[in-house]
ModelCIF file with pLDDT and N, C-alpha, C, O atoms, coordinates in Angstrom:
data_MODEL
#
_entry.id   MODEL 
#
_entity.id                         1 
_entity.type                       polymer 
_entity.pdbx_number_of_molecules   1 
#
_entity_poly.entity_id                      1 
_entity_poly.type                           'polypeptide(L)' 
_entity_poly.nstd_linkage                   no 
_entity_poly.nstd_monomer                   no 
_entity_poly.pdbx_seq_one_letter_code       IPDAWFYSGAQRPAALKSLEGKPALALTTEEWIGDRVTLSEHRGKV 
_entity_poly.pdbx_seq_one_letter_code_can   IPDAWFYSGAQRPAALKSLEGKPALALTTEEWIGDRVTLSEHRGKV 
_entity_poly.pdbx_strand_id                 A 
#
loop_
_entity_poly_seq.entity_id 
_entity_poly_seq.num 
_entity_poly_seq.mon_id 
_entity_poly_seq.hetero 
1 1  ILE n 
1 2  PRO n 
1 3  ASP n 
1 4  ALA n 
1 5  TRP n 
1 6  PHE n 
1 7  TYR n 
1 8  SER n 
1 9  GLY n 
1 10 ALA n 
1 11 GLN n 
1 12 ARG n 
1 13 PRO n 
1 14 ALA n 
1 15 ALA n 
1 16 LEU n 
1 17 LYS n 
1 18 SER n 
1 19 LEU n 
1 20 GLU n 
1 21 GLY n 
1 22 LYS n 
1 23 PRO n 
1 24 ALA n 
1 25 LEU n 
1 26 ALA n 
1 27 LEU n 
1 28 THR n 
1 29 THR n 
1 30 GLU n 
1 31 GLU n 
1 32 TRP n 
1 33 ILE n 
1 34 GLY n 
1 35 ASP n 
1 36 ARG n 
1 37 VAL n 
1 38 THR n 
1 39 LEU n 
1 40 SER n 
1 41 GLU n 
1 42 HIS n 
1 43 ARG n 
1 44 GLY n 
1 45 LYS n 
1 46 VAL n 
#
_struct_asym.id          A 
_struct_asym.entity_id   1 
#
loop_
_ma_qa_metric.id 
_ma_qa_metric.mode 
_ma_qa_metric.name 
_ma_qa_metric.software_group_id 
_ma_qa_metric.type 
1 global pLDDT . pLDDT 
2 local  pLDDT . pLDDT 
#
_ma_qa_metric_global.metric_id      1 
_ma_qa_metric_global.metric_value   92.93 
_ma_qa_metric_global.model_id       1 
_ma_qa_metric_global.ordinal_id     1 
#
loop_
_ma_qa_metric_local.label_asym_id 
_ma_qa_metric_local.label_comp_id 
_ma_qa_metric_local.label_seq_id 
_ma_qa_metric_local.metric_id 
_ma_qa_metric_local.metric_value 
_ma_qa_metric_local.model_id 
_ma_qa_metric_local.ordinal_id 
A ILE 1  2 95.00 1 1  
A PRO 2  2 96.00 1 2  
A ASP 3  2 96.00 1 3  
A ALA 4  2 96.00 1 4  
A TRP 5  2 97.00 1 5  
A PHE 6  2 97.00 1 6  
A TYR 7  2 95.00 1 7  
A SER 8  2 95.00 1 8  
A GLY 9  2 94.00 1 9  
A ALA 10 2 92.00 1 10 
A GLN 11 2 94.00 1 11 
A ARG 12 2 93.00 1 12 
A PRO 13 2 95.00 1 13 
A ALA 14 2 96.00 1 14 
A ALA 15 2 96.00 1 15 
A LEU 16 2 96.00 1 16 
A LYS 17 2 95.00 1 17 
A SER 18 2 94.00 1 18 
A LEU 19 2 94.00 1 19 
A GLU 20 2 94.00 1 20 
A GLY 21 2 89.00 1 21 
A LYS 22 2 86.00 1 22 
A PRO 23 2 84.00 1 23 
A ALA 24 2 90.00 1 24 
A LEU 25 2 87.00 1 25 
A ALA 26 2 87.00 1 26 
A LEU 27 2 93.00 1 27 
A THR 28 2 93.00 1 28 
A THR 29 2 96.00 1 29 
A GLU 30 2 94.00 1 30 
A GLU 31 2 96.00 1 31 
A TRP 32 2 97.00 1 32 
A ILE 33 2 98.00 1 33 
A GLY 34 2 96.00 1 34 
A ASP 35 2 95.00 1 35 
A ARG 36 2 95.00 1 36 
A VAL 37 2 94.00 1 37 
A THR 38 2 91.00 1 38 
A LEU 39 2 90.00 1 39 
A SER 40 2 82.00 1 40 
A GLU 41 2 86.00 1 41 
A HIS 42 2 91.00 1 42 
A ARG 43 2 85.00 1 43 
A GLY 44 2 89.00 1 44 
A LYS 45 2 94.00 1 45 
A VAL 46 2 97.00 1 46 
#
loop_
_atom_site.group_PDB 
_atom_site.id 
_atom_site.type_symbol 
_atom_site.label_atom_id 
_atom_site.label_alt_id 
_atom_site.label_comp_id 
_atom_site.label_asym_id 
_atom_site.label_entity_id 
_atom_site.label_seq_id 
_atom_site.pdbx_PDB_ins_code 
_atom_site.Cartn_x 
_atom_site.Cartn_y 
_atom_site.Cartn_z 
_atom_site.occupancy 
_atom_site.B_iso_or_equiv 
_atom_site.pdbx_formal_charge 
_atom_site.auth_seq_id 
_atom_site.auth_comp_id 
_atom_site.auth_asym_id 
_atom_site.auth_atom_id 
_atom_site.pdbx_PDB_model_num 
ATOM 1   N N  . ILE A 1 1  ? 0.856   -1.177  0.000  1.00 95.00 ? 1  ILE A N  1 
ATOM 2   C CA . ILE A 1 1  ? 0.000   0.000   0.000  1.00 95.00 ? 1  ILE A CA 1 
ATOM 3   C C  . ILE A 1 1  ? 0.898   1.234   0.000  1.00 95.00 ? 1  ILE A C  1 
ATOM 4   O O  . ILE A 1 1  ? 1.778   1.342   0.854  1.00 95.00 ? 1  ILE A O  1 
ATOM 5   N N  . PRO A 1 2  ? 0.705   2.158   -0.921 1.00 96.00 ? 2  PRO A N  1 
ATOM 6   C CA . PRO A 1 2  ? 1.608   3.310   -1.041 1.00 96.00 ? 2  PRO A CA 1 
ATOM 7   C C  . PRO A 1 2  ? 1.710   4.131   0.243  1.00 96.00 ? 2  PRO A C  1 
ATOM 8   O O  . PRO A 1 2  ? 0.711   4.356   0.926  1.00 96.00 ? 2  PRO A O  1 
ATOM 9   N N  . ASP A 1 3  ? 2.910   4.571   0.559  1.00 96.00 ? 3  ASP A N  1 
ATOM 10  C CA . ASP A 1 3  ? 3.119   5.406   1.747  1.00 96.00 ? 3  ASP A CA 1 
ATOM 11  C C  . ASP A 1 3  ? 2.280   6.672   1.694  1.00 96.00 ? 3  ASP A C  1 
ATOM 12  O O  . ASP A 1 3  ? 1.842   7.170   2.731  1.00 96.00 ? 3  ASP A O  1 
ATOM 13  N N  . ALA A 1 4  ? 2.051   7.194   0.500  1.00 96.00 ? 4  ALA A N  1 
ATOM 14  C CA . ALA A 1 4  ? 1.319   8.457   0.346  1.00 96.00 ? 4  ALA A CA 1 
ATOM 15  C C  . ALA A 1 4  ? -0.122  8.361   0.831  1.00 96.00 ? 4  ALA A C  1 
ATOM 16  O O  . ALA A 1 4  ? -0.777  9.389   1.004  1.00 96.00 ? 4  ALA A O  1 
ATOM 17  N N  . TRP A 1 5  ? -0.626  7.165   1.052  1.00 97.00 ? 5  TRP A N  1 
ATOM 18  C CA . TRP A 1 5  ? -2.001  6.993   1.505  1.00 97.00 ? 5  TRP A CA 1 
ATOM 19  C C  . TRP A 1 5  ? -2.143  7.101   3.022  1.00 97.00 ? 5  TRP A C  1 
ATOM 20  O O  . TRP A 1 5  ? -3.252  7.014   3.548  1.00 97.00 ? 5  TRP A O  1 
ATOM 21  N N  . PHE A 1 6  ? -1.029  7.290   3.727  1.00 97.00 ? 6  PHE A N  1 
ATOM 22  C CA . PHE A 1 6  ? -1.047  7.350   5.184  1.00 97.00 ? 6  PHE A CA 1 
ATOM 23  C C  . PHE A 1 6  ? -0.768  8.769   5.672  1.00 97.00 ? 6  PHE A C  1 
ATOM 24  O O  . PHE A 1 6  ? -0.099  9.553   4.998  1.00 97.00 ? 6  PHE A O  1 
ATOM 25  N N  . TYR A 1 7  ? -1.294  9.084   6.858  1.00 95.00 ? 7  TYR A N  1 
ATOM 26  C CA . TYR A 1 7  ? -0.881  10.319  7.515  1.00 95.00 ? 7  TYR A CA 1 
ATOM 27  C C  . TYR A 1 7  ? 0.636   10.298  7.690  1.00 95.00 ? 7  TYR A C  1 
ATOM 28  O O  . TYR A 1 7  ? 1.186   9.308   8.174  1.00 95.00 ? 7  TYR A O  1 
ATOM 29  N N  . SER A 1 8  ? 1.309   11.361  7.310  1.00 95.00 ? 8  SER A N  1 
ATOM 30  C CA . SER A 1 8  ? 2.771   11.507  7.408  1.00 95.00 ? 8  SER A CA 1 
ATOM 31  C C  . SER A 1 8  ? 3.532   10.577  6.478  1.00 95.00 ? 8  SER A C  1 
ATOM 32  O O  . SER A 1 8  ? 4.759   10.502  6.557  1.00 95.00 ? 8  SER A O  1 
ATOM 33  N N  . GLY A 1 9  ? 2.836   9.867   5.600  1.00 94.00 ? 9  GLY A N  1 
ATOM 34  C CA . GLY A 1 9  ? 3.491   9.042   4.595  1.00 94.00 ? 9  GLY A CA 1 
ATOM 35  C C  . GLY A 1 9  ? 4.490   8.055   5.164  1.00 94.00 ? 9  GLY A C  1 
ATOM 36  O O  . GLY A 1 9  ? 4.187   7.335   6.116  1.00 94.00 ? 9  GLY A O  1 
ATOM 37  N N  . ALA A 1 10 ? 5.683   8.021   4.583  1.00 92.00 ? 10 ALA A N  1 
ATOM 38  C CA . ALA A 1 10 ? 6.716   7.081   5.031  1.00 92.00 ? 10 ALA A CA 1 
ATOM 39  C C  . ALA A 1 10 ? 7.205   7.405   6.429  1.00 92.00 ? 10 ALA A C  1 
ATOM 40  O O  . ALA A 1 10 ? 7.850   6.572   7.065  1.00 92.00 ? 10 ALA A O  1 
ATOM 41  N N  . GLN A 1 11 ? 6.910   8.605   6.918  1.00 94.00 ? 11 GLN A N  1 
ATOM 42  C CA . GLN A 1 11 ? 7.349   9.019   8.249  1.00 94.00 ? 11 GLN A CA 1 
ATOM 43  C C  . GLN A 1 11 ? 6.282   8.766   9.313  1.00 94.00 ? 11 GLN A C  1 
ATOM 44  O O  . GLN A 1 11 ? 6.399   9.241   10.442 1.00 94.00 ? 11 GLN A O  1 
ATOM 45  N N  . ARG A 1 12 ? 5.251   8.022   8.947  1.00 93.00 ? 12 ARG A N  1 
ATOM 46  C CA . ARG A 1 12 ? 4.208   7.746   9.937  1.00 93.00 ? 12 ARG A CA 1 
ATOM 47  C C  . ARG A 1 12 ? 4.802   6.994   11.130 1.00 93.00 ? 12 ARG A C  1 
ATOM 48  O O  . ARG A 1 12 ? 5.869   6.392   11.007 1.00 93.00 ? 12 ARG A O  1 
ATOM 49  N N  . PRO A 1 13 ? 4.122   7.021   12.289 1.00 95.00 ? 13 PRO A N  1 
ATOM 50  C CA . PRO A 1 13 ? 4.688   6.406   13.497 1.00 95.00 ? 13 PRO A CA 1 
ATOM 51  C C  . PRO A 1 13 ? 5.109   4.953   13.279 1.00 95.00 ? 13 PRO A C  1 
ATOM 52  O O  . PRO A 1 13 ? 4.372   4.157   12.697 1.00 95.00 ? 13 PRO A O  1 
ATOM 53  N N  . ALA A 1 14 ? 6.297   4.631   13.755 1.00 96.00 ? 14 ALA A N  1 
ATOM 54  C CA . ALA A 1 14 ? 6.831   3.274   13.585 1.00 96.00 ? 14 ALA A CA 1 
ATOM 55  C C  . ALA A 1 14 ? 5.940   2.241   14.268 1.00 96.00 ? 14 ALA A C  1 
ATOM 56  O O  . ALA A 1 14 ? 5.832   1.106   13.804 1.00 96.00 ? 14 ALA A O  1 
ATOM 57  N N  . ALA A 1 15 ? 5.299   2.634   15.373 1.00 96.00 ? 15 ALA A N  1 
ATOM 58  C CA . ALA A 1 15 ? 4.442   1.687   16.095 1.00 96.00 ? 15 ALA A CA 1 
ATOM 59  C C  . ALA A 1 15 ? 3.274   1.246   15.226 1.00 96.00 ? 15 ALA A C  1 
ATOM 60  O O  . ALA A 1 15 ? 2.916   0.069   15.211 1.00 96.00 ? 15 ALA A O  1 
ATOM 61  N N  . LEU A 1 16 ? 2.675   2.199   14.498 1.00 96.00 ? 16 LEU A N  1 
ATOM 62  C CA . LEU A 1 16 ? 1.579   1.847   13.600 1.00 96.00 ? 16 LEU A CA 1 
ATOM 63  C C  . LEU A 1 16 ? 2.078   0.973   12.455 1.00 96.00 ? 16 LEU A C  1 
ATOM 64  O O  . LEU A 1 16 ? 1.457   -0.034  12.115 1.00 96.00 ? 16 LEU A O  1 
ATOM 65  N N  . LYS A 1 17 ? 3.186   1.360   11.875 1.00 95.00 ? 17 LYS A N  1 
ATOM 66  C CA . LYS A 1 17 ? 3.731   0.605   10.751 1.00 95.00 ? 17 LYS A CA 1 
ATOM 67  C C  . LYS A 1 17 ? 4.083   -0.814  11.148 1.00 95.00 ? 17 LYS A C  1 
ATOM 68  O O  . LYS A 1 17 ? 3.990   -1.733  10.333 1.00 95.00 ? 17 LYS A O  1 
ATOM 69  N N  . SER A 1 18 ? 4.492   -1.000  12.409 1.00 94.00 ? 18 SER A N  1 
ATOM 70  C CA . SER A 1 18 ? 4.893   -2.328  12.878 1.00 94.00 ? 18 SER A CA 1 
ATOM 71  C C  . SER A 1 18 ? 3.736   -3.312  12.941 1.00 94.00 ? 18 SER A C  1 
ATOM 72  O O  . SER A 1 18 ? 3.953   -4.523  12.977 1.00 94.00 ? 18 SER A O  1 
ATOM 73  N N  . LEU A 1 19 ? 2.496   -2.799  12.954 1.00 94.00 ? 19 LEU A N  1 
ATOM 74  C CA . LEU A 1 19 ? 1.325   -3.677  12.994 1.00 94.00 ? 19 LEU A CA 1 
ATOM 75  C C  . LEU A 1 19 ? 1.095   -4.389  11.668 1.00 94.00 ? 19 LEU A C  1 
ATOM 76  O O  . LEU A 1 19 ? 0.543   -5.488  11.632 1.00 94.00 ? 19 LEU A O  1 
ATOM 77  N N  . GLU A 1 20 ? 1.519   -3.759  10.585 1.00 94.00 ? 20 GLU A N  1 
ATOM 78  C CA . GLU A 1 20 ? 1.196   -4.252  9.250  1.00 94.00 ? 20 GLU A CA 1 
ATOM 79  C C  . GLU A 1 20 ? 1.872   -5.581  8.961  1.00 94.00 ? 20 GLU A C  1 
ATOM 80  O O  . GLU A 1 20 ? 3.071   -5.749  9.186  1.00 94.00 ? 20 GLU A O  1 
ATOM 81  N N  . GLY A 1 21 ? 1.084   -6.523  8.459  1.00 89.00 ? 21 GLY A N  1 
ATOM 82  C CA . GLY A 1 21 ? 1.581   -7.869  8.204  1.00 89.00 ? 21 GLY A CA 1 
ATOM 83  C C  . GLY A 1 21 ? 1.380   -8.813  9.372  1.00 89.00 ? 21 GLY A C  1 
ATOM 84  O O  . GLY A 1 21 ? 1.707   -9.996  9.279  1.00 89.00 ? 21 GLY A O  1 
ATOM 85  N N  . LYS A 1 22 ? 0.842   -8.301  10.475 1.00 86.00 ? 22 LYS A N  1 
ATOM 86  C CA . LYS A 1 22 ? 0.611   -9.130  11.656 1.00 86.00 ? 22 LYS A CA 1 
ATOM 87  C C  . LYS A 1 22 ? -0.881  -9.421  11.811 1.00 86.00 ? 22 LYS A C  1 
ATOM 88  O O  . LYS A 1 22 ? -1.716  -8.694  11.273 1.00 86.00 ? 22 LYS A O  1 
ATOM 89  N N  . PRO A 1 23 ? -1.217  -10.484 12.545 1.00 84.00 ? 23 PRO A N  1 
ATOM 90  C CA . PRO A 1 23 ? -2.636  -10.810 12.726 1.00 84.00 ? 23 PRO A CA 1 
ATOM 91  C C  . PRO A 1 23 ? -3.364  -9.739  13.514 1.00 84.00 ? 23 PRO A C  1 
ATOM 92  O O  . PRO A 1 23 ? -2.819  -9.161  14.455 1.00 84.00 ? 23 PRO A O  1 
ATOM 93  N N  . ALA A 1 24 ? -4.597  -9.482  13.121 1.00 90.00 ? 24 ALA A N  1 
ATOM 94  C CA . ALA A 1 24 ? -5.406  -8.495  13.822 1.00 90.00 ? 24 ALA A CA 1 
ATOM 95  C C  . ALA A 1 24 ? -5.714  -8.975  15.231 1.00 90.00 ? 24 ALA A C  1 
ATOM 96  O O  . ALA A 1 24 ? -5.937  -10.163 15.463 1.00 90.00 ? 24 ALA A O  1 
ATOM 97  N N  . LEU A 1 25 ? -5.723  -8.039  16.161 1.00 87.00 ? 25 LEU A N  1 
ATOM 98  C CA . LEU A 1 25 ? -5.979  -8.349  17.563 1.00 87.00 ? 25 LEU A CA 1 
ATOM 99  C C  . LEU A 1 25 ? -7.462  -8.198  17.884 1.00 87.00 ? 25 LEU A C  1 
ATOM 100 O O  . LEU A 1 25 ? -8.157  -7.359  17.311 1.00 87.00 ? 25 LEU A O  1 
ATOM 101 N N  . ALA A 1 26 ? -7.924  -9.019  18.802 1.00 87.00 ? 26 ALA A N  1 
ATOM 102 C CA . ALA A 1 26 ? -9.338  -8.999  19.165 1.00 87.00 ? 26 ALA A CA 1 
ATOM 103 C C  . ALA A 1 26 ? -9.728  -7.645  19.755 1.00 87.00 ? 26 ALA A C  1 
ATOM 104 O O  . ALA A 1 26 ? -8.901  -6.953  20.350 1.00 87.00 ? 26 ALA A O  1 
ATOM 105 N N  . LEU A 1 27 ? -10.995 -7.279  19.583 1.00 93.00 ? 27 LEU A N  1 
ATOM 106 C CA . LEU A 1 27 ? -11.517 -6.040  20.137 1.00 93.00 ? 27 LEU A CA 1 
ATOM 107 C C  . LEU A 1 27 ? -11.940 -6.268  21.583 1.00 93.00 ? 27 LEU A C  1 
ATOM 108 O O  . LEU A 1 27 ? -12.683 -7.204  21.880 1.00 93.00 ? 27 LEU A O  1 
ATOM 109 N N  . THR A 1 28 ? -11.467 -5.414  22.476 1.00 93.00 ? 28 THR A N  1 
ATOM 110 C CA . THR A 1 28 ? -11.852 -5.480  23.887 1.00 93.00 ? 28 THR A CA 1 
ATOM 111 C C  . THR A 1 28 ? -12.650 -4.229  24.194 1.00 93.00 ? 28 THR A C  1 
ATOM 112 O O  . THR A 1 28 ? -12.077 -3.173  24.463 1.00 93.00 ? 28 THR A O  1 
ATOM 113 N N  . THR A 1 29 ? -13.979 -4.340  24.156 1.00 96.00 ? 29 THR A N  1 
ATOM 114 C CA . THR A 1 29 ? -14.842 -3.167  24.282 1.00 96.00 ? 29 THR A CA 1 
ATOM 115 C C  . THR A 1 29 ? -15.945 -3.419  25.302 1.00 96.00 ? 29 THR A C  1 
ATOM 116 O O  . THR A 1 29 ? -16.149 -4.542  25.764 1.00 96.00 ? 29 THR A O  1 
ATOM 117 N N  . GLU A 1 30 ? -16.664 -2.321  25.648 1.00 94.00 ? 30 GLU A N  1 
ATOM 118 C CA . GLU A 1 30 ? -17.651 -2.415  26.731 1.00 94.00 ? 30 GLU A CA 1 
ATOM 119 C C  . GLU A 1 30 ? -19.094 -2.280  26.264 1.00 94.00 ? 30 GLU A C  1 
ATOM 120 O O  . GLU A 1 30 ? -19.964 -3.006  26.747 1.00 94.00 ? 30 GLU A O  1 
ATOM 121 N N  . GLU A 1 31 ? -19.360 -1.389  25.358 1.00 96.00 ? 31 GLU A N  1 
ATOM 122 C CA . GLU A 1 31 ? -20.733 -1.111  24.931 1.00 96.00 ? 31 GLU A CA 1 
ATOM 123 C C  . GLU A 1 31 ? -20.789 -1.022  23.418 1.00 96.00 ? 31 GLU A C  1 
ATOM 124 O O  . GLU A 1 31 ? -19.803 -0.690  22.761 1.00 96.00 ? 31 GLU A O  1 
ATOM 125 N N  . TRP A 1 32 ? -21.969 -1.327  22.875 1.00 97.00 ? 32 TRP A N  1 
ATOM 126 C CA . TRP A 1 32 ? -22.155 -1.287  21.414 1.00 97.00 ? 32 TRP A CA 1 
ATOM 127 C C  . TRP A 1 32 ? -23.413 -0.512  21.062 1.00 97.00 ? 32 TRP A C  1 
ATOM 128 O O  . TRP A 1 32 ? -24.428 -0.598  21.753 1.00 97.00 ? 32 TRP A O  1 
ATOM 129 N N  . ILE A 1 33 ? -23.331 0.234   19.993 1.00 98.00 ? 33 ILE A N  1 
ATOM 130 C CA . ILE A 1 33 ? -24.508 0.805   19.329 1.00 98.00 ? 33 ILE A CA 1 
ATOM 131 C C  . ILE A 1 33 ? -24.559 0.119   17.970 1.00 98.00 ? 33 ILE A C  1 
ATOM 132 O O  . ILE A 1 33 ? -23.715 0.367   17.109 1.00 98.00 ? 33 ILE A O  1 
ATOM 133 N N  . GLY A 1 34 ? -25.543 -0.737  17.782 1.00 96.00 ? 34 GLY A N  1 
ATOM 134 C CA . GLY A 1 34 ? -25.580 -1.593  16.609 1.00 96.00 ? 34 GLY A CA 1 
ATOM 135 C C  . GLY A 1 34 ? -25.116 -2.989  16.972 1.00 96.00 ? 34 GLY A C  1 
ATOM 136 O O  . GLY A 1 34 ? -24.864 -3.285  18.140 1.00 96.00 ? 34 GLY A O  1 
ATOM 137 N N  . ASP A 1 35 ? -25.003 -3.841  15.973 1.00 95.00 ? 35 ASP A N  1 
ATOM 138 C CA . ASP A 1 35 ? -24.642 -5.241  16.215 1.00 95.00 ? 35 ASP A CA 1 
ATOM 139 C C  . ASP A 1 35 ? -23.209 -5.369  16.719 1.00 95.00 ? 35 ASP A C  1 
ATOM 140 O O  . ASP A 1 35 ? -22.299 -4.700  16.229 1.00 95.00 ? 35 ASP A O  1 
ATOM 141 N N  . ARG A 1 36 ? -23.030 -6.233  17.699 1.00 95.00 ? 36 ARG A N  1 
ATOM 142 C CA . ARG A 1 36 ? -21.690 -6.511  18.218 1.00 95.00 ? 36 ARG A CA 1 
ATOM 143 C C  . ARG A 1 36 ? -20.885 -7.266  17.163 1.00 95.00 ? 36 ARG A C  1 
ATOM 144 O O  . ARG A 1 36 ? -21.414 -8.150  16.489 1.00 95.00 ? 36 ARG A O  1 
ATOM 145 N N  . VAL A 1 37 ? -19.619 -6.921  17.023 1.00 94.00 ? 37 VAL A N  1 
ATOM 146 C CA . VAL A 1 37 ? -18.745 -7.530  16.015 1.00 94.00 ? 37 VAL A CA 1 
ATOM 147 C C  . VAL A 1 37 ? -17.536 -8.166  16.688 1.00 94.00 ? 37 VAL A C  1 
ATOM 148 O O  . VAL A 1 37 ? -16.906 -7.555  17.551 1.00 94.00 ? 37 VAL A O  1 
ATOM 149 N N  . THR A 1 38 ? -17.216 -9.394  16.292 1.00 91.00 ? 38 THR A N  1 
ATOM 150 C CA . THR A 1 38 ? -15.943 -10.003 16.664 1.00 91.00 ? 38 THR A CA 1 
ATOM 151 C C  . THR A 1 38 ? -15.191 -10.285 15.370 1.00 91.00 ? 38 THR A C  1 
ATOM 152 O O  . THR A 1 38 ? -15.789 -10.681 14.370 1.00 91.00 ? 38 THR A O  1 
ATOM 153 N N  . LEU A 1 39 ? -13.901 -10.084 15.395 1.00 90.00 ? 39 LEU A N  1 
ATOM 154 C CA . LEU A 1 39 ? -13.119 -10.244 14.173 1.00 90.00 ? 39 LEU A CA 1 
ATOM 155 C C  . LEU A 1 39 ? -13.092 -11.685 13.692 1.00 90.00 ? 39 LEU A C  1 
ATOM 156 O O  . LEU A 1 39 ? -13.090 -11.943 12.488 1.00 90.00 ? 39 LEU A O  1 
ATOM 157 N N  . SER A 1 40 ? -13.072 -12.622 14.627 1.00 82.00 ? 40 SER A N  1 
ATOM 158 C CA . SER A 1 40 ? -12.956 -14.025 14.227 1.00 82.00 ? 40 SER A CA 1 
ATOM 159 C C  . SER A 1 40 ? -14.158 -14.485 13.404 1.00 82.00 ? 40 SER A C  1 
ATOM 160 O O  . SER A 1 40 ? -14.008 -15.321 12.513 1.00 82.00 ? 40 SER A O  1 
ATOM 161 N N  . GLU A 1 41 ? -15.353 -13.948 13.690 1.00 86.00 ? 41 GLU A N  1 
ATOM 162 C CA . GLU A 1 41 ? -16.539 -14.387 12.956 1.00 86.00 ? 41 GLU A CA 1 
ATOM 163 C C  . GLU A 1 41 ? -16.603 -13.796 11.551 1.00 86.00 ? 41 GLU A C  1 
ATOM 164 O O  . GLU A 1 41 ? -17.423 -14.213 10.734 1.00 86.00 ? 41 GLU A O  1 
ATOM 165 N N  . HIS A 1 42 ? -15.733 -12.822 11.274 1.00 91.00 ? 42 HIS A N  1 
ATOM 166 C CA . HIS A 1 42 ? -15.739 -12.192 9.960  1.00 91.00 ? 42 HIS A CA 1 
ATOM 167 C C  . HIS A 1 42 ? -14.485 -12.510 9.156  1.00 91.00 ? 42 HIS A C  1 
ATOM 168 O O  . HIS A 1 42 ? -14.151 -11.795 8.211  1.00 91.00 ? 42 HIS A O  1 
ATOM 169 N N  . ARG A 1 43 ? -13.791 -13.581 9.532  1.00 85.00 ? 43 ARG A N  1 
ATOM 170 C CA . ARG A 1 43 ? -12.675 -14.030 8.707  1.00 85.00 ? 43 ARG A CA 1 
ATOM 171 C C  . ARG A 1 43 ? -13.196 -14.342 7.306  1.00 85.00 ? 43 ARG A C  1 
ATOM 172 O O  . ARG A 1 43 ? -14.222 -15.006 7.159  1.00 85.00 ? 43 ARG A O  1 
ATOM 173 N N  . GLY A 1 44 ? -12.503 -13.874 6.294  1.00 89.00 ? 44 GLY A N  1 
ATOM 174 C CA . GLY A 1 44 ? -12.979 -14.014 4.923  1.00 89.00 ? 44 GLY A CA 1 
ATOM 175 C C  . GLY A 1 44 ? -13.539 -12.716 4.385  1.00 89.00 ? 44 GLY A C  1 
ATOM 176 O O  . GLY A 1 44 ? -13.804 -12.603 3.188  1.00 89.00 ? 44 GLY A O  1 
ATOM 177 N N  . LYS A 1 45 ? -13.725 -11.724 5.262  1.00 94.00 ? 45 LYS A N  1 
ATOM 178 C CA . LYS A 1 45 ? -14.184 -10.408 4.847  1.00 94.00 ? 45 LYS A CA 1 
ATOM 179 C C  . LYS A 1 45 ? -13.089 -9.374  5.110  1.00 94.00 ? 45 LYS A C  1 
ATOM 180 O O  . LYS A 1 45 ? -12.146 -9.627  5.860  1.00 94.00 ? 45 LYS A O  1 
ATOM 181 N N  . VAL A 1 46 ? -13.230 -8.219  4.485  1.00 97.00 ? 46 VAL A N  1 
ATOM 182 C CA . VAL A 1 46 ? -12.338 -7.097  4.756  1.00 97.00 ? 46 VAL A CA 1 
ATOM 183 C C  . VAL A 1 46 ? -12.945 -6.278  5.890  1.00 97.00 ? 46 VAL A C  1 
ATOM 184 O O  . VAL A 1 46 ? -12.370 -5.271  6.302  1.00 97.00 ? 46 VAL A O  1 
#
């Protein structure tokens, strides 16, 4: 994905960039407006 599509481009925070290519982490949340979503149930979708 081109660097130009990110805030600060290639200089974006290293911590954010380090997430890319790694498995998504589960959502730890308290309240929902709308249907509750878990990432595991949506494997196969973007």
